C-alpha atoms as a PDB file:
ATOM      1  CA  MET A   1      30.088  21.136 -33.037  1.00  0.00           C
ATOM      2  CA  SER A   2      29.747  21.473 -29.330  1.00  0.00           C
ATOM      3  CA  TRP A   3      26.443  21.232 -27.506  1.00  0.00           C
ATOM      4  CA  THR A   4      25.622  21.679 -23.838  1.00  0.00           C
ATOM      5  CA  ASN A   5      23.003  19.847 -21.846  1.00  0.00           C
ATOM      6  CA  ALA A   6      20.857  21.468 -19.150  1.00  0.00           C
ATOM      7  CA  GLU A   7      23.344  20.339 -16.473  1.00  0.00           C
ATOM      8  CA  GLY A   8      26.203  22.170 -18.209  1.00  0.00           C
ATOM      9  CA  MET A   9      27.992  19.114 -19.603  1.00  0.00           C
ATOM     10  CA  ALA A  10      29.485  19.432 -23.086  1.00  0.00           C
ATOM     11  CA  ILE A  11      28.470  17.097 -25.912  1.00  0.00           C
ATOM     12  CA  LYS A  12      30.833  16.865 -28.887  1.00  0.00           C
ATOM     13  CA  ALA A  13      28.760  15.833 -31.877  1.00  0.00           C
ATOM     14  CA  GLY A  14      27.594  16.925 -35.286  1.00  0.00           C
ATOM     15  CA  PHE A  15      24.012  17.734 -36.172  1.00  0.00           C
ATOM     16  CA  GLY A  16      22.181  14.832 -37.772  1.00  0.00           C
ATOM     17  CA  GLY A  17      18.658  16.208 -37.839  1.00  0.00           C
ATOM     18  CA  VAL A  18      15.555  16.318 -35.688  1.00  0.00           C
ATOM     19  CA  ASN A  19      13.152  13.465 -34.984  1.00  0.00           C
ATOM     20  CA  GLY A  20      10.064  14.697 -33.158  1.00  0.00           C
ATOM     21  CA  GLN A  21      11.218  16.169 -29.852  1.00  0.00           C
ATOM     22  CA  SER A  22      14.770  14.802 -30.172  1.00  0.00           C
ATOM     23  CA  VAL A  23      17.879  16.008 -31.908  1.00  0.00           C
ATOM     24  CA  ILE A  24      19.978  13.414 -33.703  1.00  0.00           C
ATOM     25  CA  PHE A  25      23.638  13.766 -32.862  1.00  0.00           C
ATOM     26  CA  LYS A  26      26.339  12.420 -35.169  1.00  0.00           C
ATOM     27  CA  MET A  27      28.928  11.158 -32.720  1.00  0.00           C
ATOM     28  CA  PRO A  28      32.689  11.226 -33.403  1.00  0.00           C
ATOM     29  CA  ASN A  29      32.699   7.416 -33.760  1.00  0.00           C
ATOM     30  CA  GLY A  30      30.137   7.632 -36.582  1.00  0.00           C
ATOM     31  CA  SER A  31      27.108   6.485 -34.607  1.00  0.00           C
ATOM     32  CA  LYS A  32      23.885   8.466 -34.436  1.00  0.00           C
ATOM     33  CA  VAL A  33      22.255   9.143 -31.078  1.00  0.00           C
ATOM     34  CA  GLU A  34      18.849  10.686 -30.383  1.00  0.00           C
ATOM     35  CA  TYR A  35      18.827  13.124 -27.463  1.00  0.00           C
ATOM     36  CA  PRO A  36      15.763  14.904 -26.030  1.00  0.00           C
ATOM     37  CA  ILE A  37      15.795  18.582 -26.985  1.00  0.00           C
ATOM     38  CA  SER A  38      14.214  19.344 -23.600  1.00  0.00           C
ATOM     39  CA  LYS A  39      17.444  18.213 -21.897  1.00  0.00           C
ATOM     40  CA  LEU A  40      19.615  20.736 -23.766  1.00  0.00           C
ATOM     41  CA  SER A  41      20.705  24.154 -22.527  1.00  0.00           C
ATOM     42  CA  PRO A  42      18.815  27.178 -23.898  1.00  0.00           C
ATOM     43  CA  ALA A  43      21.756  28.025 -26.193  1.00  0.00           C
ATOM     44  CA  SER A  44      21.869  24.484 -27.594  1.00  0.00           C
ATOM     45  CA  LYS A  45      18.097  24.477 -28.103  1.00  0.00           C
ATOM     46  CA  LYS A  46      18.534  27.656 -30.133  1.00  0.00           C
ATOM     47  CA  LEU A  47      21.307  25.993 -32.134  1.00  0.00           C
ATOM     48  CA  VAL A  48      18.990  23.067 -32.949  1.00  0.00           C
ATOM     49  CA  ALA A  49      16.398  25.539 -34.249  1.00  0.00           C
ATOM     50  CA  GLU A  50      19.043  27.358 -36.316  1.00  0.00           C
ATOM     51  CA  CYS A  51      20.407  24.127 -37.791  1.00  0.00           C
ATOM     52  CA  ALA A  52      17.147  22.401 -38.592  1.00  0.00           C
ATOM     53  CA  THR A  53      15.737  22.700 -42.094  1.00  0.00           C
ATOM     54  CA  PRO A  54      12.636  21.041 -43.558  1.00  0.00           C
ATOM     55  CA  GLN A  55      14.983  18.531 -45.218  1.00  0.00           C
ATOM     56  CA  GLY A  56      16.631  17.740 -41.871  1.00  0.00           C
ATOM     57  CA  GLU A  57      19.991  19.213 -42.818  1.00  0.00           C
ATOM     58  CA  CYS A  58      22.004  21.695 -40.841  1.00  0.00           C
ATOM     59  CA  ARG A  59      21.744  25.161 -42.401  1.00  0.00           C
ATOM     60  CA  ARG A  60      25.253  25.944 -41.176  1.00  0.00           C
ATOM     61  CA  CYS A  61      26.600  22.706 -42.657  1.00  0.00           C
ATOM     62  CA  VAL A  62      24.854  23.265 -45.991  1.00  0.00           C
ATOM     63  CA  SER A  63      26.344  26.748 -46.279  1.00  0.00           C
ATOM     64  CA  LEU A  64      29.851  25.306 -45.754  1.00  0.00           C
ATOM     65  CA  ARG A  65      29.598  22.638 -48.482  1.00  0.00           C
ATOM     66  CA  SER A  66      31.269  22.986 -51.803  1.00  0.00           C
ATOM     67  CA  PRO A  67      28.984  23.362 -54.874  1.00  0.00           C
ATOM     68  CA  GLN A  68      29.753  19.769 -55.932  1.00  0.00           C
ATOM     69  CA  GLU A  69      28.461  18.421 -52.607  1.00  0.00           C
ATOM     70  CA  VAL A  70      25.200  20.385 -52.784  1.00  0.00           C
ATOM     71  CA  SER A  71      24.065  19.037 -56.169  1.00  0.00           C
END
């Protein structure tokens, strides 16, 4: 996924959940990084809201999984 911060810089990372007022990015190297939602662009803030579920999983990612991965 691609995210954009408020300054217009791109962030290449997967969605790893939300922790309080931060989004957890899954970086390409496998690490997880917390990033303040307030520092994201409006479009990326909307994407966080669309991805977040009560279980902390990305709705978009869940819909793309195979049935074996969901169980």
